[in-house]
Amino acid sequence: MLWDYADELILKNPGNTIKMAVNRVTLESPPHFKRFYVYFEALKRGRKEGCRPILGLDGCFLKGPFKGELLAVVGKNGNNQMYPVAWVIVKGECIDSWVWFLSLLTASLGMEHGF
């Protein structure tokens, strides 16, 4: 179901950056969710046009039938309001999850070689 959601997000707006990581014990075993990254094209354009060059990072626990954590990056717009930039859902917050998230974010922002 999550694969279908990712495909639909890309189909409706080809500029979206959607990445998903899964674990498999063997090639024949079913995939187990690991991470899901989202960066919408509309947010990319809005950030470039109306946000200050500052980013904030945070995370929160997901409560409900599907446990995990939501890691998010926000910017600050011209009205000093938070502006969502990108987010990822992970099974748990750890260095590996943050590295994966921030490497995708820097690639999405075009900052692989610095600002």
PDB file of N, CA and C in Angstrom:
ATOM      1  N   MET A   1       0.817  -1.189   0.000  1.00  0.00           N
ATOM      2  CA  MET A   1       0.000   0.000   0.000  1.00  0.00           C
ATOM      3  C   MET A   1       0.869   1.265   0.000  1.00  0.00           C
ATOM      4  N   LEU A   2       1.946   1.243   0.753  1.00  0.00           N
ATOM      5  CA  LEU A   2       2.833   2.403   0.796  1.00  0.00           C
ATOM      6  C   LEU A   2       3.545   2.609  -0.540  1.00  0.00           C
ATOM      7  N   TRP A   3       3.853   1.508  -1.235  1.00  0.00           N
ATOM      8  CA  TRP A   3       4.447   1.616  -2.570  1.00  0.00           C
ATOM      9  C   TRP A   3       3.486   2.345  -3.508  1.00  0.00           C
ATOM     10  N   ASP A   4       2.203   2.015  -3.428  1.00  0.00           N
ATOM     11  CA  ASP A   4       1.196   2.661  -4.276  1.00  0.00           C
ATOM     12  C   ASP A   4       1.097   4.149  -3.973  1.00  0.00           C
ATOM     13  N   TYR A   5       1.156   4.503  -2.689  1.00  0.00           N
ATOM     14  CA  TYR A   5       1.108   5.905  -2.285  1.00  0.00           C
ATOM     15  C   TYR A   5       2.304   6.663  -2.868  1.00  0.00           C
ATOM     16  N   ALA A   6       3.497   6.090  -2.760  1.00  0.00           N
ATOM     17  CA  ALA A   6       4.700   6.725  -3.301  1.00  0.00           C
ATOM     18  C   ALA A   6       4.591   6.895  -4.814  1.00  0.00           C
ATOM     19  N   ASP A   7       4.125   5.866  -5.497  1.00  0.00           N
ATOM     20  CA  ASP A   7       3.958   5.952  -6.951  1.00  0.00           C
ATOM     21  C   ASP A   7       2.957   7.035  -7.339  1.00  0.00           C
ATOM     22  N   GLU A   8       1.879   7.147  -6.589  1.00  0.00           N
ATOM     23  CA  GLU A   8       0.851   8.154  -6.880  1.00  0.00           C
ATOM     24  C   GLU A   8       1.387   9.565  -6.657  1.00  0.00           C
ATOM     25  N   LEU A   9       2.172   9.763  -5.591  1.00  0.00           N
ATOM     26  CA  LEU A   9       2.770  11.076  -5.341  1.00  0.00           C
ATOM     27  C   LEU A   9       3.678  11.499  -6.490  1.00  0.00           C
ATOM     28  N   ILE A  10       4.442  10.577  -7.013  1.00  0.00           N
ATOM     29  CA  ILE A  10       5.345  10.883  -8.125  1.00  0.00           C
ATOM     30  C   ILE A  10       4.566  11.065  -9.423  1.00  0.00           C
ATOM     31  N   LEU A  11       3.540  10.255  -9.624  1.00  0.00           N
ATOM     32  CA  LEU A  11       2.723  10.353 -10.836  1.00  0.00           C
ATOM     33  C   LEU A  11       2.020  11.707 -10.924  1.00  0.00           C
ATOM     34  N   LYS A  12       1.456  12.172  -9.817  1.00  0.00           N
ATOM     35  CA  LYS A  12       0.702  13.427  -9.817  1.00  0.00           C
ATOM     36  C   LYS A  12       1.600  14.649  -9.895  1.00  0.00           C
ATOM     37  N   ASN A  13       2.824  14.540  -9.406  1.00  0.00           N
ATOM     38  CA  ASN A  13       3.758  15.653  -9.472  1.00  0.00           C
ATOM     39  C   ASN A  13       5.162  15.076  -9.627  1.00  0.00           C
ATOM     40  N   PRO A  14       5.642  14.961 -10.863  1.00  0.00           N
ATOM     41  CA  PRO A  14       6.926  14.300 -11.114  1.00  0.00           C
ATOM     42  C   PRO A  14       8.128  14.932 -10.415  1.00  0.00           C
ATOM     43  N   GLY A  15       8.026  16.162  -9.958  1.00  0.00           N
ATOM     44  CA  GLY A  15       9.147  16.799  -9.266  1.00  0.00           C
ATOM     45  C   GLY A  15       9.293  16.401  -7.818  1.00  0.00           C
ATOM     46  N   ASN A  16       8.306  15.692  -7.266  1.00  0.00           N
ATOM     47  CA  ASN A  16       8.394  15.244  -5.875  1.00  0.00           C
ATOM     48  C   ASN A  16       9.554  14.276  -5.711  1.00  0.00           C
ATOM     49  N   THR A  17      10.190  14.331  -4.550  1.00  0.00           N
ATOM     50  CA  THR A  17      11.232  13.368  -4.215  1.00  0.00           C
ATOM     51  C   THR A  17      10.680  12.451  -3.136  1.00  0.00           C
ATOM     52  N   ILE A  18      10.480  11.202  -3.474  1.00  0.00           N
ATOM     53  CA  ILE A  18       9.934  10.204  -2.557  1.00  0.00           C
ATOM     54  C   ILE A  18      10.894   9.022  -2.551  1.00  0.00           C
ATOM     55  N   LYS A  19      11.344   8.630  -1.380  1.00  0.00           N
ATOM     56  CA  LYS A  19      12.252   7.486  -1.257  1.00  0.00           C
ATOM     57  C   LYS A  19      11.736   6.573  -0.147  1.00  0.00           C
ATOM     58  N   MET A  20      11.864   5.290  -0.372  1.00  0.00           N
ATOM     59  CA  MET A  20      11.466   4.331   0.648  1.00  0.00           C
ATOM     60  C   MET A  20      12.558   3.281   0.785  1.00  0.00           C
ATOM     61  N   ALA A  21      12.819   2.893   2.018  1.00  0.00           N
ATOM     62  CA  ALA A  21      13.789   1.836   2.288  1.00  0.00           C
ATOM     63  C   ALA A  21      13.081   0.718   3.038  1.00  0.00           C
ATOM     64  N   VAL A  22      13.376  -0.498   2.657  1.00  0.00           N
ATOM     65  CA  VAL A  22      12.803  -1.674   3.318  1.00  0.00           C
ATOM     66  C   VAL A  22      13.926  -2.657   3.632  1.00  0.00           C
ATOM     67  N   ASN A  23      13.649  -3.552   4.559  1.00  0.00           N
ATOM     68  CA  ASN A  23      14.564  -4.645   4.893  1.00  0.00           C
ATOM     69  C   ASN A  23      13.975  -5.945   4.393  1.00  0.00           C
ATOM     70  N   ARG A  24      14.830  -6.829   3.933  1.00  0.00           N
ATOM     71  CA  ARG A  24      14.419  -8.186   3.550  1.00  0.00           C
ATOM     72  C   ARG A  24      15.420  -9.161   4.162  1.00  0.00           C
ATOM     73  N   VAL A  25      14.902 -10.198   4.804  1.00  0.00           N
ATOM     74  CA  VAL A  25      15.776 -11.224   5.365  1.00  0.00           C
ATOM     75  C   VAL A  25      16.397 -12.031   4.234  1.00  0.00           C
ATOM     76  N   THR A  26      15.575 -12.423   3.276  1.00  0.00           N
ATOM     77  CA  THR A  26      16.044 -13.098   2.066  1.00  0.00           C
ATOM     78  C   THR A  26      15.361 -12.437   0.879  1.00  0.00           C
ATOM     79  N   LEU A  27      15.807 -12.758  -0.309  1.00  0.00           N
ATOM     80  CA  LEU A  27      15.193 -12.172  -1.504  1.00  0.00           C
ATOM     81  C   LEU A  27      13.738 -12.577  -1.655  1.00  0.00           C
ATOM     82  N   GLU A  28      13.383 -13.754  -1.161  1.00  0.00           N
ATOM     83  CA  GLU A  28      12.008 -14.242  -1.287  1.00  0.00           C
ATOM     84  C   GLU A  28      11.094 -13.737  -0.171  1.00  0.00           C
ATOM     85  N   SER A  29      11.671 -13.247   0.924  1.00  0.00           N
ATOM     86  CA  SER A  29      10.837 -12.823   2.055  1.00  0.00           C
ATOM     87  C   SER A  29      10.154 -11.490   1.760  1.00  0.00           C
ATOM     88  N   PRO A  30       9.021 -11.237   2.407  1.00  0.00           N
ATOM     89  CA  PRO A  30       8.331  -9.962   2.184  1.00  0.00           C
ATOM     90  C   PRO A  30       9.135  -8.798   2.770  1.00  0.00           C
ATOM     91  N   PRO A  31       9.013  -7.619   2.167  1.00  0.00           N
ATOM     92  CA  PRO A  31       9.751  -6.464   2.683  1.00  0.00           C
ATOM     93  C   PRO A  31       9.171  -5.979   4.008  1.00  0.00           C
ATOM     94  N   HIS A  32      10.056  -5.492   4.877  1.00  0.00           N
ATOM     95  CA  HIS A  32       9.658  -4.888   6.145  1.00  0.00           C
ATOM     96  C   HIS A  32      10.033  -3.411   6.099  1.00  0.00           C
ATOM     97  N   PHE A  33       9.072  -2.570   6.432  1.00  0.00           N
ATOM     98  CA  PHE A  33       9.265  -1.119   6.377  1.00  0.00           C
ATOM     99  C   PHE A  33      10.464  -0.691   7.211  1.00  0.00           C
ATOM    100  N   LYS A  34      11.239   0.253   6.669  1.00  0.00           N
ATOM    101  CA  LYS A  34      12.366   0.830   7.390  1.00  0.00           C
ATOM    102  C   LYS A  34      12.266   2.355   7.432  1.00  0.00           C
ATOM    103  N   ARG A  35      12.091   2.995   6.244  1.00  0.00           N
ATOM    104  CA  ARG A  35      12.059   4.467   6.180  1.00  0.00           C
ATOM    105  C   ARG A  35      11.256   4.932   4.976  1.00  0.00           C
ATOM    106  N   PHE A  36      10.701   6.161   5.092  1.00  0.00           N
ATOM    107  CA  PHE A  36       9.928   6.751   3.994  1.00  0.00           C
ATOM    108  C   PHE A  36      10.183   8.253   3.993  1.00  0.00           C
ATOM    109  N   TYR A  37      10.785   8.778   2.915  1.00  0.00           N
ATOM    110  CA  TYR A  37      11.194  10.178   2.794  1.00  0.00           C
ATOM    111  C   TYR A  37      10.281  10.911   1.821  1.00  0.00           C
ATOM    112  N   VAL A  38       9.881  12.144   2.189  1.00  0.00           N
ATOM    113  CA  VAL A  38       8.991  12.945   1.346  1.00  0.00           C
ATOM    114  C   VAL A  38       9.516  14.378   1.260  1.00  0.00           C
ATOM    115  N   TYR A  39       9.635  14.874   0.009  1.00  0.00           N
ATOM    116  CA  TYR A  39       9.965  16.275  -0.238  1.00  0.00           C
ATOM    117  C   TYR A  39       9.174  16.692  -1.473  1.00  0.00           C
ATOM    118  N   PHE A  40       8.135  17.501  -1.266  1.00  0.00           N
ATOM    119  CA  PHE A  40       7.243  17.894  -2.349  1.00  0.00           C
ATOM    120  C   PHE A  40       7.844  19.018  -3.192  1.00  0.00           C
ATOM    121  N   GLU A  41       7.621  18.944  -4.495  1.00  0.00           N
ATOM    122  CA  GLU A  41       8.103  19.960  -5.435  1.00  0.00           C
ATOM    123  C   GLU A  41       7.573  21.345  -5.069  1.00  0.00           C
ATOM    124  N   ALA A  42       6.312  21.447  -4.694  1.00  0.00           N
ATOM    125  CA  ALA A  42       5.733  22.747  -4.330  1.00  0.00           C
ATOM    126  C   ALA A  42       6.455  23.352  -3.126  1.00  0.00           C
ATOM    127  N   LEU A  43       6.857  22.517  -2.177  1.00  0.00           N
ATOM    128  CA  LEU A  43       7.602  23.017  -1.020  1.00  0.00           C
ATOM    129  C   LEU A  43       9.014  23.429  -1.417  1.00  0.00           C
ATOM    130  N   LYS A  44       9.592  22.749  -2.400  1.00  0.00           N
ATOM    131  CA  LYS A  44      10.912  23.136  -2.910  1.00  0.00           C
ATOM    132  C   LYS A  44      10.857  24.556  -3.465  1.00  0.00           C
ATOM    133  N   ARG A  45       9.859  24.803  -4.322  1.00  0.00           N
ATOM    134  CA  ARG A  45       9.733  26.139  -4.932  1.00  0.00           C
ATOM    135  C   ARG A  45       9.426  27.193  -3.877  1.00  0.00           C
ATOM    136  N   GLY A  46       8.516  26.899  -2.970  1.00  0.00           N
ATOM    137  CA  GLY A  46       8.153  27.858  -1.934  1.00  0.00           C
ATOM    138  C   GLY A  46       9.314  28.204  -1.029  1.00  0.00           C
ATOM    139  N   ARG A  47      10.128  27.218  -0.701  1.00  0.00           N
ATOM    140  CA  ARG A  47      11.285  27.463   0.149  1.00  0.00           C
ATOM    141  C   ARG A  47      12.282  28.386  -0.549  1.00  0.00           C
ATOM    142  N   LYS A  48      12.495  28.159  -1.835  1.00  0.00           N
ATOM    143  CA  LYS A  48      13.444  28.993  -2.585  1.00  0.00           C
ATOM    144  C   LYS A  48      12.950  30.425  -2.713  1.00  0.00           C
ATOM    145  N   GLU A  49      11.638  30.594  -2.865  1.00  0.00           N
ATOM    146  CA  GLU A  49      11.085  31.920  -3.135  1.00  0.00           C
ATOM    147  C   GLU A  49      10.752  32.727  -1.890  1.00  0.00           C
ATOM    148  N   GLY A  50      10.451  32.072  -0.771  1.00  0.00           N
ATOM    149  CA  GLY A  50       9.963  32.858   0.351  1.00  0.00           C
ATOM    150  C   GLY A  50      10.499  32.520   1.719  1.00  0.00           C
ATOM    151  N   CYS A  51      11.558  31.727   1.803  1.00  0.00           N
ATOM    152  CA  CYS A  51      12.076  31.347   3.120  1.00  0.00           C
ATOM    153  C   CYS A  51      13.475  31.892   3.347  1.00  0.00           C
ATOM    154  N   ARG A  52      13.758  32.095   4.600  1.00  0.00           N
ATOM    155  CA  ARG A  52      15.099  32.516   4.989  1.00  0.00           C
ATOM    156  C   ARG A  52      16.038  31.312   4.913  1.00  0.00           C
ATOM    157  N   PRO A  53      17.329  31.546   4.772  1.00  0.00           N
ATOM    158  CA  PRO A  53      18.269  30.420   4.632  1.00  0.00           C
ATOM    159  C   PRO A  53      18.617  29.779   5.979  1.00  0.00           C
ATOM    160  N   ILE A  54      17.606  29.275   6.659  1.00  0.00           N
ATOM    161  CA  ILE A  54      17.812  28.606   7.941  1.00  0.00           C
ATOM    162  C   ILE A  54      16.900  27.388   7.988  1.00  0.00           C
ATOM    163  N   LEU A  55      17.407  26.311   8.541  1.00  0.00           N
ATOM    164  CA  LEU A  55      16.622  25.082   8.658  1.00  0.00           C
ATOM    165  C   LEU A  55      16.662  24.599  10.097  1.00  0.00           C
ATOM    166  N   GLY A  56      15.550  24.044  10.551  1.00  0.00           N
ATOM    167  CA  GLY A  56      15.468  23.449  11.878  1.00  0.00           C
ATOM    168  C   GLY A  56      15.122  21.976  11.762  1.00  0.00           C
ATOM    169  N   LEU A  57      15.704  21.176  12.632  1.00  0.00           N
ATOM    170  CA  LEU A  57      15.482  19.732  12.630  1.00  0.00           C
ATOM    171  C   LEU A  57      14.788  19.326  13.920  1.00  0.00           C
ATOM    172  N   ASP A  58      13.864  18.384  13.820  1.00  0.00           N
ATOM    173  CA  ASP A  58      13.198  17.880  15.018  1.00  0.00           C
ATOM    174  C   ASP A  58      12.593  16.522  14.721  1.00  0.00           C
ATOM    175  N   GLY A  59      12.163  15.869  15.747  1.00  0.00           N
ATOM    176  CA  GLY A  59      11.518  14.574  15.603  1.00  0.00           C
ATOM    177  C   GLY A  59      10.457  14.396  16.665  1.00  0.00           C
ATOM    178  N   CYS A  60       9.501  13.536  16.394  1.00  0.00           N
ATOM    179  CA  CYS A  60       8.464  13.226  17.374  1.00  0.00           C
ATOM    180  C   CYS A  60       8.036  11.772  17.192  1.00  0.00           C
ATOM    181  N   PHE A  61       7.519  11.200  18.271  1.00  0.00           N
ATOM    182  CA  PHE A  61       7.052   9.815  18.230  1.00  0.00           C
ATOM    183  C   PHE A  61       5.696   9.744  17.555  1.00  0.00           C
ATOM    184  N   LEU A  62       5.475   8.687  16.813  1.00  0.00           N
ATOM    185  CA  LEU A  62       4.169   8.418  16.215  1.00  0.00           C
ATOM    186  C   LEU A  62       3.414   7.484  17.150  1.00  0.00           C
ATOM    187  N   LYS A  63       2.234   7.890  17.510  1.00  0.00           N
ATOM    188  CA  LYS A  63       1.401   7.069  18.384  1.00  0.00           C
ATOM    189  C   LYS A  63       0.208   6.593  17.581  1.00  0.00           C
ATOM    190  N   GLY A  64      -0.220   5.406  17.806  1.00  0.00           N
ATOM    191  CA  GLY A  64      -1.327   4.845  17.051  1.00  0.00           C
ATOM    192  C   GLY A  64      -0.993   3.428  16.638  1.00  0.00           C
ATOM    193  N   PRO A  65      -1.684   2.927  15.631  1.00  0.00           N
ATOM    194  CA  PRO A  65      -1.451   1.533  15.248  1.00  0.00           C
ATOM    195  C   PRO A  65      -0.062   1.289  14.646  1.00  0.00           C
ATOM    196  N   PHE A  66       0.549   2.300  14.052  1.00  0.00           N
ATOM    197  CA  PHE A  66       1.871   2.144  13.447  1.00  0.00           C
ATOM    198  C   PHE A  66       2.859   3.008  14.209  1.00  0.00           C
ATOM    199  N   LYS A  67       3.721   2.379  14.952  1.00  0.00           N
ATOM    200  CA  LYS A  67       4.715   3.092  15.761  1.00  0.00           C
ATOM    201  C   LYS A  67       5.894   3.492  14.890  1.00  0.00           C
ATOM    202  N   GLY A  68       6.644   4.442  15.371  1.00  0.00           N
ATOM    203  CA  GLY A  68       7.828   4.916  14.673  1.00  0.00           C
ATOM    204  C   GLY A  68       8.096   6.345  15.085  1.00  0.00           C
ATOM    205  N   GLU A  69       8.866   7.033  14.282  1.00  0.00           N
ATOM    206  CA  GLU A  69       9.151   8.441  14.540  1.00  0.00           C
ATOM    207  C   GLU A  69       9.062   9.238  13.249  1.00  0.00           C
ATOM    208  N   LEU A  70       8.630  10.460  13.400  1.00  0.00           N
ATOM    209  CA  LEU A  70       8.575  11.416  12.303  1.00  0.00           C
ATOM    210  C   LEU A  70       9.722  12.392  12.517  1.00  0.00           C
ATOM    211  N   LEU A  71      10.658  12.425  11.597  1.00  0.00           N
ATOM    212  CA  LEU A  71      11.746  13.390  11.621  1.00  0.00           C
ATOM    213  C   LEU A  71      11.420  14.445  10.575  1.00  0.00           C
ATOM    214  N   ALA A  72      11.569  15.703  10.950  1.00  0.00           N
ATOM    215  CA  ALA A  72      11.150  16.777  10.050  1.00  0.00           C
ATOM    216  C   ALA A  72      12.197  17.881   9.977  1.00  0.00           C
ATOM    217  N   VAL A  73      12.202  18.553   8.839  1.00  0.00           N
ATOM    218  CA  VAL A  73      13.015  19.748   8.629  1.00  0.00           C
ATOM    219  C   VAL A  73      12.058  20.872   8.270  1.00  0.00           C
ATOM    220  N   VAL A  74      12.192  21.989   8.972  1.00  0.00           N
ATOM    221  CA  VAL A  74      11.352  23.153   8.698  1.00  0.00           C
ATOM    222  C   VAL A  74      12.244  24.362   8.449  1.00  0.00           C
ATOM    223  N   GLY A  75      11.702  25.294   7.696  1.00  0.00           N
ATOM    224  CA  GLY A  75      12.362  26.564   7.463  1.00  0.00           C
ATOM    225  C   GLY A  75      11.551  27.667   8.116  1.00  0.00           C
ATOM    226  N   LYS A  76      11.964  28.892   7.887  1.00  0.00           N
ATOM    227  CA  LYS A  76      11.250  30.045   8.431  1.00  0.00           C
ATOM    228  C   LYS A  76      10.908  30.961   7.269  1.00  0.00           C
ATOM    229  N   ASN A  77       9.603  31.250   7.109  1.00  0.00           N
ATOM    230  CA  ASN A  77       9.198  32.090   5.983  1.00  0.00           C
ATOM    231  C   ASN A  77       9.314  33.572   6.335  1.00  0.00           C
ATOM    232  N   GLY A  78       8.918  34.432   5.420  1.00  0.00           N
ATOM    233  CA  GLY A  78       9.028  35.871   5.613  1.00  0.00           C
ATOM    234  C   GLY A  78       8.185  36.416   6.750  1.00  0.00           C
ATOM    235  N   ASN A  79       7.180  35.678   7.205  1.00  0.00           N
ATOM    236  CA  ASN A  79       6.333  36.095   8.327  1.00  0.00           C
ATOM    237  C   ASN A  79       6.765  35.453   9.638  1.00  0.00           C
ATOM    238  N   ASN A  80       7.976  34.928   9.687  1.00  0.00           N
ATOM    239  CA  ASN A  80       8.511  34.232  10.861  1.00  0.00           C
ATOM    240  C   ASN A  80       7.692  33.013  11.257  1.00  0.00           C
ATOM    241  N   GLN A  81       7.033  32.402  10.299  1.00  0.00           N
ATOM    242  CA  GLN A  81       6.264  31.183  10.554  1.00  0.00           C
ATOM    243  C   GLN A  81       7.074  29.977  10.086  1.00  0.00           C
ATOM    244  N   MET A  82       6.796  28.830  10.716  1.00  0.00           N
ATOM    245  CA  MET A  82       7.472  27.605  10.286  1.00  0.00           C
ATOM    246  C   MET A  82       6.965  27.190   8.914  1.00  0.00           C
ATOM    247  N   TYR A  83       7.877  26.738   8.087  1.00  0.00           N
ATOM    248  CA  TYR A  83       7.556  26.300   6.734  1.00  0.00           C
ATOM    249  C   TYR A  83       8.075  24.876   6.573  1.00  0.00           C
ATOM    250  N   PRO A  84       7.193  23.906   6.329  1.00  0.00           N
ATOM    251  CA  PRO A  84       7.669  22.523   6.200  1.00  0.00           C
ATOM    252  C   PRO A  84       8.551  22.371   4.963  1.00  0.00           C
ATOM    253  N   VAL A  85       9.635  21.661   5.127  1.00  0.00           N
ATOM    254  CA  VAL A  85      10.553  21.448   4.014  1.00  0.00           C
ATOM    255  C   VAL A  85      10.506  19.988   3.574  1.00  0.00           C
ATOM    256  N   ALA A  86      10.823  19.090   4.478  1.00  0.00           N
ATOM    257  CA  ALA A  86      10.828  17.655   4.161  1.00  0.00           C
ATOM    258  C   ALA A  86      10.624  16.877   5.445  1.00  0.00           C
ATOM    259  N   TRP A  87      10.229  15.623   5.293  1.00  0.00           N
ATOM    260  CA  TRP A  87      10.071  14.769   6.469  1.00  0.00           C
ATOM    261  C   TRP A  87      10.310  13.329   6.086  1.00  0.00           C
ATOM    262  N   VAL A  88      10.546  12.551   7.119  1.00  0.00           N
ATOM    263  CA  VAL A  88      10.781  11.126   6.931  1.00  0.00           C
ATOM    264  C   VAL A  88      10.122  10.382   8.090  1.00  0.00           C
ATOM    265  N   ILE A  89       9.576   9.228   7.786  1.00  0.00           N
ATOM    266  CA  ILE A  89       9.050   8.346   8.823  1.00  0.00           C
ATOM    267  C   ILE A  89      10.040   7.201   8.945  1.00  0.00           C
ATOM    268  N   VAL A  90      10.494   6.956  10.168  1.00  0.00           N
ATOM    269  CA  VAL A  90      11.476   5.904  10.419  1.00  0.00           C
ATOM    270  C   VAL A  90      10.974   5.000  11.538  1.00  0.00           C
ATOM    271  N   LYS A  91      11.533   3.804  11.609  1.00  0.00           N
ATOM    272  CA  LYS A  91      11.140   2.879  12.675  1.00  0.00           C
ATOM    273  C   LYS A  91      11.605   3.396  14.024  1.00  0.00           C
ATOM    274  N   GLY A  92      12.731   4.070  14.071  1.00  0.00           N
ATOM    275  CA  GLY A  92      13.258   4.614  15.316  1.00  0.00           C
ATOM    276  C   GLY A  92      14.347   5.623  15.023  1.00  0.00           C
ATOM    277  N   GLU A  93      14.495   6.577  15.930  1.00  0.00           N
ATOM    278  CA  GLU A  93      15.507   7.613  15.757  1.00  0.00           C
ATOM    279  C   GLU A  93      16.870   7.052  16.148  1.00  0.00           C
ATOM    280  N   CYS A  94      17.794   7.114  15.218  1.00  0.00           N
ATOM    281  CA  CYS A  94      19.167   6.681  15.469  1.00  0.00           C
ATOM    282  C   CYS A  94      20.068   7.445  14.501  1.00  0.00           C
ATOM    283  N   ILE A  95      21.342   7.309  14.682  1.00  0.00           N
ATOM    284  CA  ILE A  95      22.283   8.026  13.820  1.00  0.00           C
ATOM    285  C   ILE A  95      22.096   7.622  12.360  1.00  0.00           C
ATOM    286  N   ASP A  96      21.902   6.326  12.123  1.00  0.00           N
ATOM    287  CA  ASP A  96      21.719   5.832  10.758  1.00  0.00           C
ATOM    288  C   ASP A  96      20.500   6.479  10.087  1.00  0.00           C
ATOM    289  N   SER A  97      19.402   6.622  10.833  1.00  0.00           N
ATOM    290  CA  SER A  97      18.191   7.254  10.284  1.00  0.00           C
ATOM    291  C   SER A  97      18.436   8.715   9.952  1.00  0.00           C
ATOM    292  N   TRP A  98      19.111   9.444  10.856  1.00  0.00           N
ATOM    293  CA  TRP A  98      19.389  10.855  10.602  1.00  0.00           C
ATOM    294  C   TRP A  98      20.348  11.030   9.420  1.00  0.00           C
ATOM    295  N   VAL A  99      21.358  10.180   9.328  1.00  0.00           N
ATOM    296  CA  VAL A  99      22.305  10.275   8.208  1.00  0.00           C
ATOM    297  C   VAL A  99      21.580  10.035   6.888  1.00  0.00           C
ATOM    298  N   TRP A 100      20.722   9.017   6.846  1.00  0.00           N
ATOM    299  CA  TRP A 100      19.955   8.723   5.627  1.00  0.00           C
ATOM    300  C   TRP A 100      19.079   9.915   5.256  1.00  0.00           C
ATOM    301  N   PHE A 101      18.364  10.454   6.241  1.00  0.00           N
ATOM    302  CA  PHE A 101      17.473  11.595   6.026  1.00  0.00           C
ATOM    303  C   PHE A 101      18.251  12.812   5.536  1.00  0.00           C
ATOM    304  N   LEU A 102      19.319  13.160   6.231  1.00  0.00           N
ATOM    305  CA  LEU A 102      20.058  14.370   5.876  1.00  0.00           C
ATOM    306  C   LEU A 102      20.809  14.226   4.554  1.00  0.00           C
ATOM    307  N   SER A 103      21.238  13.023   4.206  1.00  0.00           N
ATOM    308  CA  SER A 103      21.883  12.848   2.899  1.00  0.00           C
ATOM    309  C   SER A 103      20.870  13.028   1.769  1.00  0.00           C
ATOM    310  N   LEU A 104      19.645  12.508   1.948  1.00  0.00           N
ATOM    311  CA  LEU A 104      18.600  12.734   0.942  1.00  0.00           C
ATOM    312  C   LEU A 104      18.207  14.208   0.890  1.00  0.00           C
ATOM    313  N   LEU A 105      18.137  14.846   2.049  1.00  0.00           N
ATOM    314  CA  LEU A 105      17.772  16.261   2.101  1.00  0.00           C
ATOM    315  C   LEU A 105      18.814  17.126   1.398  1.00  0.00           C
ATOM    316  N   THR A 106      20.093  16.893   1.670  1.00  0.00           N
ATOM    317  CA  THR A 106      21.119  17.709   1.015  1.00  0.00           C
ATOM    318  C   THR A 106      21.102  17.501  -0.497  1.00  0.00           C
ATOM    319  N   ALA A 107      20.823  16.288  -0.939  1.00  0.00           N
ATOM    320  CA  ALA A 107      20.697  16.040  -2.381  1.00  0.00           C
ATOM    321  C   ALA A 107      19.472  16.762  -2.940  1.00  0.00           C
ATOM    322  N   SER A 108      18.354  16.731  -2.214  1.00  0.00           N
ATOM    323  CA  SER A 108      17.130  17.408  -2.669  1.00  0.00           C
ATOM    324  C   SER A 108      17.324  18.915  -2.742  1.00  0.00           C
ATOM    325  N   LEU A 109      18.087  19.454  -1.800  1.00  0.00           N
ATOM    326  CA  LEU A 109      18.332  20.895  -1.764  1.00  0.00           C
ATOM    327  C   LEU A 109      19.461  21.310  -2.704  1.00  0.00           C
ATOM    328  N   GLY A 110      20.156  20.346  -3.286  1.00  0.00           N
ATOM    329  CA  GLY A 110      21.282  20.667  -4.156  1.00  0.00           C
ATOM    330  C   GLY A 110      22.479  21.179  -3.386  1.00  0.00           C
ATOM    331  N   MET A 111      22.670  20.676  -2.165  1.00  0.00           N
ATOM    332  CA  MET A 111      23.744  21.153  -1.294  1.00  0.00           C
ATOM    333  C   MET A 111      24.787  20.072  -1.019  1.00  0.00           C
ATOM    334  N   GLU A 112      24.962  19.130  -1.920  1.00  0.00           N
ATOM    335  CA  GLU A 112      25.910  18.046  -1.684  1.00  0.00           C
ATOM    336  C   GLU A 112      27.327  18.561  -1.439  1.00  0.00           C
ATOM    337  N   HIS A 113      27.663  19.685  -2.039  1.00  0.00           N
ATOM    338  CA  HIS A 113      29.014  20.234  -1.928  1.00  0.00           C
ATOM    339  C   HIS A 113      29.020  21.529  -1.121  1.00  0.00           C
ATOM    340  N   GLY A 114      28.058  21.697  -0.216  1.00  0.00           N
ATOM    341  CA  GLY A 114      27.974  22.885   0.621  1.00  0.00           C
ATOM    342  C   GLY A 114      26.919  23.852   0.122  1.00  0.00           C
ATOM    343  N   PHE A 115      26.748  24.924   0.861  1.00  0.00           N
ATOM    344  CA  PHE A 115      25.729  25.910   0.534  1.00  0.00           C
ATOM    345  C   PHE A 115      26.119  26.561  -0.730  1.00  0.00           C
TER     346      PHE A 115
END
